[in-house]
């Protein structure tokens, strides 16, 4: 799995960071980003819920192979 945030779509709602704080954070501008070393989802079961929680669809998960 590969977790990504489309920063051009992100509006800074922070739902991903609230839902899966072990994978997402917000930068100084309030936009969401994946924490360093967590692009694989870090085994967090809430990653997919964070994708669903994003009000603008900026968070996505791509399945490997």
PDB file of N, CA and C in Angstrom:
ATOM      1  N   UNK A   1       0.845  -1.168   0.000  1.00  0.00           N
ATOM      2  CA  UNK A   1       0.000   0.000   0.000  1.00  0.00           C
ATOM      3  C   UNK A   1       0.891   1.232   0.000  1.00  0.00           C
ATOM      4  N   UNK A   2       0.428   2.273  -0.691  1.00  0.00           N
ATOM      5  CA  UNK A   2       1.121   3.563  -0.696  1.00  0.00           C
ATOM      6  C   UNK A   2       0.092   4.652  -0.421  1.00  0.00           C
ATOM      7  N   UNK A   3       0.351   5.437   0.605  1.00  0.00           N
ATOM      8  CA  UNK A   3      -0.546   6.499   1.046  1.00  0.00           C
ATOM      9  C   UNK A   3      -0.033   7.830   0.499  1.00  0.00           C
ATOM     10  N   UNK A   4      -0.955   8.626  -0.057  1.00  0.00           N
ATOM     11  CA  UNK A   4      -0.573   9.913  -0.622  1.00  0.00           C
ATOM     12  C   UNK A   4      -1.607  10.980  -0.275  1.00  0.00           C
ATOM     13  N   UNK A   5      -1.133  12.224  -0.205  1.00  0.00           N
ATOM     14  CA  UNK A   5      -2.010  13.377  -0.037  1.00  0.00           C
ATOM     15  C   UNK A   5      -1.785  14.297  -1.225  1.00  0.00           C
ATOM     16  N   UNK A   6      -2.849  14.619  -1.926  1.00  0.00           N
ATOM     17  CA  UNK A   6      -2.790  15.575  -3.027  1.00  0.00           C
ATOM     18  C   UNK A   6      -2.865  16.970  -2.415  1.00  0.00           C
ATOM     19  N   UNK A   7      -1.728  17.607  -2.291  1.00  0.00           N
ATOM     20  CA  UNK A   7      -1.661  18.897  -1.606  1.00  0.00           C
ATOM     21  C   UNK A   7      -2.333  20.013  -2.411  1.00  0.00           C
ATOM     22  N   UNK A   8      -2.548  19.798  -3.703  1.00  0.00           N
ATOM     23  CA  UNK A   8      -3.274  20.786  -4.497  1.00  0.00           C
ATOM     24  C   UNK A   8      -4.776  20.752  -4.173  1.00  0.00           C
ATOM     25  N   UNK A   9      -5.268  19.589  -3.749  1.00  0.00           N
ATOM     26  CA  UNK A   9      -6.692  19.447  -3.384  1.00  0.00           C
ATOM     27  C   UNK A   9      -6.944  19.713  -1.907  1.00  0.00           C
ATOM     28  N   UNK A  10      -5.945  19.461  -1.077  1.00  0.00           N
ATOM     29  CA  UNK A  10      -6.103  19.563   0.375  1.00  0.00           C
ATOM     30  C   UNK A  10      -6.548  20.972   0.771  1.00  0.00           C
ATOM     31  N   UNK A  11      -7.551  21.024   1.648  1.00  0.00           N
ATOM     32  CA  UNK A  11      -8.037  22.316   2.144  1.00  0.00           C
ATOM     33  C   UNK A  11      -7.723  22.502   3.630  1.00  0.00           C
ATOM     34  N   UNK A  12      -7.031  21.506   4.214  1.00  0.00           N
ATOM     35  CA  UNK A  12      -6.597  21.641   5.605  1.00  0.00           C
ATOM     36  C   UNK A  12      -7.643  21.305   6.643  1.00  0.00           C
ATOM     37  N   UNK A  13      -8.624  20.481   6.294  1.00  0.00           N
ATOM     38  CA  UNK A  13      -9.648  20.093   7.269  1.00  0.00           C
ATOM     39  C   UNK A  13      -9.043  19.287   8.418  1.00  0.00           C
ATOM     40  N   UNK A  14      -7.987  18.534   8.139  1.00  0.00           N
ATOM     41  CA  UNK A  14      -7.286  17.786   9.180  1.00  0.00           C
ATOM     42  C   UNK A  14      -7.948  16.492   9.596  1.00  0.00           C
ATOM     43  N   UNK A  15      -8.958  16.048   8.862  1.00  0.00           N
ATOM     44  CA  UNK A  15      -9.652  14.814   9.238  1.00  0.00           C
ATOM     45  C   UNK A  15      -8.717  13.602   9.182  1.00  0.00           C
ATOM     46  N   UNK A  16      -7.785  13.592   8.233  1.00  0.00           N
ATOM     47  CA  UNK A  16      -6.868  12.457   8.141  1.00  0.00           C
ATOM     48  C   UNK A  16      -5.961  12.407   9.371  1.00  0.00           C
ATOM     49  N   UNK A  17      -5.444  13.561   9.780  1.00  0.00           N
ATOM     50  CA  UNK A  17      -4.566  13.618  10.948  1.00  0.00           C
ATOM     51  C   UNK A  17      -5.315  13.273  12.233  1.00  0.00           C
ATOM     52  N   UNK A  18      -6.580  13.641  12.302  1.00  0.00           N
ATOM     53  CA  UNK A  18      -7.386  13.287  13.474  1.00  0.00           C
ATOM     54  C   UNK A  18      -7.715  11.799  13.497  1.00  0.00           C
ATOM     55  N   UNK A  19      -7.944  11.230  12.312  1.00  0.00           N
ATOM     56  CA  UNK A  19      -8.344   9.829  12.216  1.00  0.00           C
ATOM     57  C   UNK A  19      -7.166   8.876  12.361  1.00  0.00           C
ATOM     58  N   UNK A  20      -6.052   9.195  11.723  1.00  0.00           N
ATOM     59  CA  UNK A  20      -4.862   8.322  11.754  1.00  0.00           C
ATOM     60  C   UNK A  20      -3.623   9.162  12.043  1.00  0.00           C
ATOM     61  N   UNK A  21      -3.474   9.638  13.282  1.00  0.00           N
ATOM     62  CA  UNK A  21      -2.352  10.518  13.620  1.00  0.00           C
ATOM     63  C   UNK A  21      -0.981   9.857  13.543  1.00  0.00           C
ATOM     64  N   UNK A  22      -0.942   8.550  13.465  1.00  0.00           N
ATOM     65  CA  UNK A  22       0.332   7.858  13.315  1.00  0.00           C
ATOM     66  C   UNK A  22       0.826   7.841  11.886  1.00  0.00           C
ATOM     67  N   UNK A  23      -0.003   8.329  10.954  1.00  0.00           N
ATOM     68  CA  UNK A  23       0.355   8.332   9.532  1.00  0.00           C
ATOM     69  C   UNK A  23       0.341   9.748   8.953  1.00  0.00           C
ATOM     70  N   UNK A  24      -0.574  10.595   9.409  1.00  0.00           N
ATOM     71  CA  UNK A  24      -0.736  11.932   8.838  1.00  0.00           C
ATOM     72  C   UNK A  24      -0.451  13.020   9.860  1.00  0.00           C
ATOM     73  N   UNK A  25      -0.054  14.177   9.347  1.00  0.00           N
ATOM     74  CA  UNK A  25       0.118  15.377  10.156  1.00  0.00           C
ATOM     75  C   UNK A  25      -0.262  16.569   9.292  1.00  0.00           C
ATOM     76  N   UNK A  26      -0.204  17.760   9.875  1.00  0.00           N
ATOM     77  CA  UNK A  26      -0.446  18.974   9.115  1.00  0.00           C
ATOM     78  C   UNK A  26       0.790  19.853   9.198  1.00  0.00           C
ATOM     79  N   UNK A  27       1.136  20.473   8.078  1.00  0.00           N
ATOM     80  CA  UNK A  27       2.317  21.329   8.053  1.00  0.00           C
ATOM     81  C   UNK A  27       1.985  22.712   8.619  1.00  0.00           C
ATOM     82  N   UNK A  28       2.944  23.610   8.562  1.00  0.00           N
ATOM     83  CA  UNK A  28       2.758  24.953   9.121  1.00  0.00           C
ATOM     84  C   UNK A  28       1.658  25.746   8.426  1.00  0.00           C
ATOM     85  N   UNK A  29       1.332  25.377   7.194  1.00  0.00           N
ATOM     86  CA  UNK A  29       0.260  26.042   6.458  1.00  0.00           C
ATOM     87  C   UNK A  29      -1.093  25.389   6.696  1.00  0.00           C
ATOM     88  N   UNK A  30      -1.120  24.313   7.492  1.00  0.00           N
ATOM     89  CA  UNK A  30      -2.369  23.622   7.801  1.00  0.00           C
ATOM     90  C   UNK A  30      -2.738  22.538   6.817  1.00  0.00           C
ATOM     91  N   UNK A  31      -1.890  22.314   5.811  1.00  0.00           N
ATOM     92  CA  UNK A  31      -2.165  21.267   4.832  1.00  0.00           C
ATOM     93  C   UNK A  31      -1.665  19.920   5.335  1.00  0.00           C
ATOM     94  N   UNK A  32      -2.378  18.883   4.976  1.00  0.00           N
ATOM     95  CA  UNK A  32      -2.025  17.543   5.443  1.00  0.00           C
ATOM     96  C   UNK A  32      -0.864  16.975   4.657  1.00  0.00           C
ATOM     97  N   UNK A  33      -0.129  16.105   5.318  1.00  0.00           N
ATOM     98  CA  UNK A  33       0.962  15.389   4.683  1.00  0.00           C
ATOM     99  C   UNK A  33       1.174  14.074   5.405  1.00  0.00           C
ATOM    100  N   UNK A  34       1.792  13.146   4.696  1.00  0.00           N
ATOM    101  CA  UNK A  34       2.116  11.845   5.278  1.00  0.00           C
ATOM    102  C   UNK A  34       3.392  12.008   6.090  1.00  0.00           C
ATOM    103  N   UNK A  35       3.398  11.452   7.285  1.00  0.00           N
ATOM    104  CA  UNK A  35       4.590  11.523   8.123  1.00  0.00           C
ATOM    105  C   UNK A  35       5.756  10.799   7.458  1.00  0.00           C
ATOM    106  N   UNK A  36       6.974  11.276   7.682  1.00  0.00           N
ATOM    107  CA  UNK A  36       8.148  10.603   7.109  1.00  0.00           C
ATOM    108  C   UNK A  36       8.184   9.124   7.511  1.00  0.00           C
ATOM    109  N   UNK A  37       8.434   8.280   6.537  1.00  0.00           N
ATOM    110  CA  UNK A  37       8.523   6.850   6.789  1.00  0.00           C
ATOM    111  C   UNK A  37       7.192   6.140   6.914  1.00  0.00           C
ATOM    112  N   UNK A  38       6.088   6.842   6.689  1.00  0.00           N
ATOM    113  CA  UNK A  38       4.767   6.239   6.842  1.00  0.00           C
ATOM    114  C   UNK A  38       3.991   6.124   5.532  1.00  0.00           C
ATOM    115  N   UNK A  39       4.655   6.312   4.407  1.00  0.00           N
ATOM    116  CA  UNK A  39       3.981   6.242   3.108  1.00  0.00           C
ATOM    117  C   UNK A  39       3.390   4.862   2.845  1.00  0.00           C
ATOM    118  N   UNK A  40       3.841   3.858   3.601  1.00  0.00           N
ATOM    119  CA  UNK A  40       3.283   2.509   3.451  1.00  0.00           C
ATOM    120  C   UNK A  40       2.089   2.292   4.369  1.00  0.00           C
ATOM    121  N   UNK A  41       1.673   3.320   5.073  1.00  0.00           N
ATOM    122  CA  UNK A  41       0.538   3.223   5.982  1.00  0.00           C
ATOM    123  C   UNK A  41       0.913   2.793   7.380  1.00  0.00           C
ATOM    124  N   UNK A  42       2.139   2.355   7.566  1.00  0.00           N
ATOM    125  CA  UNK A  42       2.618   1.988   8.889  1.00  0.00           C
ATOM    126  C   UNK A  42       1.796   0.913   9.579  1.00  0.00           C
ATOM    127  N   UNK A  43       1.031   0.140   8.825  1.00  0.00           N
ATOM    128  CA  UNK A  43       0.199  -0.896   9.411  1.00  0.00           C
ATOM    129  C   UNK A  43      -1.001  -0.362  10.177  1.00  0.00           C
ATOM    130  N   UNK A  44      -1.273   0.924  10.047  1.00  0.00           N
ATOM    131  CA  UNK A  44      -2.380   1.543  10.772  1.00  0.00           C
ATOM    132  C   UNK A  44      -3.717   1.152  10.138  1.00  0.00           C
ATOM    133  N   UNK A  45      -4.591   0.499  10.894  1.00  0.00           N
ATOM    134  CA  UNK A  45      -5.875   0.073  10.340  1.00  0.00           C
ATOM    135  C   UNK A  45      -6.831   1.229  10.037  1.00  0.00           C
ATOM    136  N   UNK A  46      -6.516   2.434  10.495  1.00  0.00           N
ATOM    137  CA  UNK A  46      -7.400   3.578  10.284  1.00  0.00           C
ATOM    138  C   UNK A  46      -7.081   4.381   9.025  1.00  0.00           C
ATOM    139  N   UNK A  47      -6.073   3.951   8.253  1.00  0.00           N
ATOM    140  CA  UNK A  47      -5.705   4.692   7.048  1.00  0.00           C
ATOM    141  C   UNK A  47      -6.870   4.773   6.076  1.00  0.00           C
ATOM    142  N   UNK A  48      -7.539   3.676   5.837  1.00  0.00           N
ATOM    143  CA  UNK A  48      -8.663   3.687   4.898  1.00  0.00           C
ATOM    144  C   UNK A  48      -9.822   4.546   5.416  1.00  0.00           C
ATOM    145  N   UNK A  49     -10.006   4.576   6.704  1.00  0.00           N
ATOM    146  CA  UNK A  49     -11.023   5.456   7.284  1.00  0.00           C
ATOM    147  C   UNK A  49     -10.630   6.923   7.077  1.00  0.00           C
ATOM    148  N   UNK A  50      -9.337   7.224   7.171  1.00  0.00           N
ATOM    149  CA  UNK A  50      -8.858   8.587   6.920  1.00  0.00           C
ATOM    150  C   UNK A  50      -9.122   8.996   5.473  1.00  0.00           C
ATOM    151  N   UNK A  51      -8.989   8.060   4.544  1.00  0.00           N
ATOM    152  CA  UNK A  51      -9.292   8.335   3.132  1.00  0.00           C
ATOM    153  C   UNK A  51     -10.768   8.710   3.004  1.00  0.00           C
ATOM    154  N   UNK A  52     -11.642   7.938   3.631  1.00  0.00           N
ATOM    155  CA  UNK A  52     -13.085   8.210   3.568  1.00  0.00           C
ATOM    156  C   UNK A  52     -13.453   9.520   4.267  1.00  0.00           C
ATOM    157  N   UNK A  53     -12.695   9.888   5.302  1.00  0.00           N
ATOM    158  CA  UNK A  53     -13.019  11.081   6.085  1.00  0.00           C
ATOM    159  C   UNK A  53     -12.637  12.388   5.391  1.00  0.00           C
ATOM    160  N   UNK A  54     -11.765  12.330   4.406  1.00  0.00           N
ATOM    161  CA  UNK A  54     -11.320  13.557   3.740  1.00  0.00           C
ATOM    162  C   UNK A  54     -12.483  14.154   2.938  1.00  0.00           C
ATOM    163  N   UNK A  55     -12.893  15.393   3.266  1.00  0.00           N
ATOM    164  CA  UNK A  55     -14.052  15.982   2.601  1.00  0.00           C
ATOM    165  C   UNK A  55     -13.824  16.362   1.138  1.00  0.00           C
ATOM    166  N   UNK A  56     -12.568  16.443   0.700  1.00  0.00           N
ATOM    167  CA  UNK A  56     -12.284  16.821  -0.684  1.00  0.00           C
ATOM    168  C   UNK A  56     -11.576  15.732  -1.475  1.00  0.00           C
ATOM    169  N   UNK A  57     -11.418  14.559  -0.883  1.00  0.00           N
ATOM    170  CA  UNK A  57     -10.796  13.437  -1.590  1.00  0.00           C
ATOM    171  C   UNK A  57      -9.327  13.622  -1.877  1.00  0.00           C
ATOM    172  N   UNK A  58      -8.631  14.348  -1.004  1.00  0.00           N
ATOM    173  CA  UNK A  58      -7.208  14.604  -1.217  1.00  0.00           C
ATOM    174  C   UNK A  58      -6.321  13.453  -0.768  1.00  0.00           C
ATOM    175  N   UNK A  59      -6.855  12.556   0.045  1.00  0.00           N
ATOM    176  CA  UNK A  59      -6.074  11.439   0.573  1.00  0.00           C
ATOM    177  C   UNK A  59      -6.446  10.180  -0.203  1.00  0.00           C
ATOM    178  N   UNK A  60      -5.430   9.448  -0.612  1.00  0.00           N
ATOM    179  CA  UNK A  60      -5.716   8.204  -1.345  1.00  0.00           C
ATOM    180  C   UNK A  60      -4.702   7.132  -0.977  1.00  0.00           C
ATOM    181  N   UNK A  61      -5.141   5.903  -1.214  1.00  0.00           N
ATOM    182  CA  UNK A  61      -4.296   4.736  -1.003  1.00  0.00           C
ATOM    183  C   UNK A  61      -4.206   3.981  -2.311  1.00  0.00           C
ATOM    184  N   UNK A  62      -2.993   3.688  -2.728  1.00  0.00           N
ATOM    185  CA  UNK A  62      -2.778   2.861  -3.911  1.00  0.00           C
ATOM    186  C   UNK A  62      -2.277   1.510  -3.429  1.00  0.00           C
ATOM    187  N   UNK A  63      -2.927   0.473  -3.896  1.00  0.00           N
ATOM    188  CA  UNK A  63      -2.527  -0.872  -3.512  1.00  0.00           C
ATOM    189  C   UNK A  63      -1.299  -1.294  -4.322  1.00  0.00           C
ATOM    190  N   UNK A  64      -0.395  -1.989  -3.694  1.00  0.00           N
ATOM    191  CA  UNK A  64       0.818  -2.472  -4.358  1.00  0.00           C
ATOM    192  C   UNK A  64       0.476  -3.642  -5.269  1.00  0.00           C
ATOM    193  N   UNK A  65       1.128  -3.636  -6.439  1.00  0.00           N
ATOM    194  CA  UNK A  65       1.081  -4.719  -7.401  1.00  0.00           C
ATOM    195  C   UNK A  65      -0.170  -5.341  -7.648  1.00  0.00           C
TER     196      UNK A  65
END
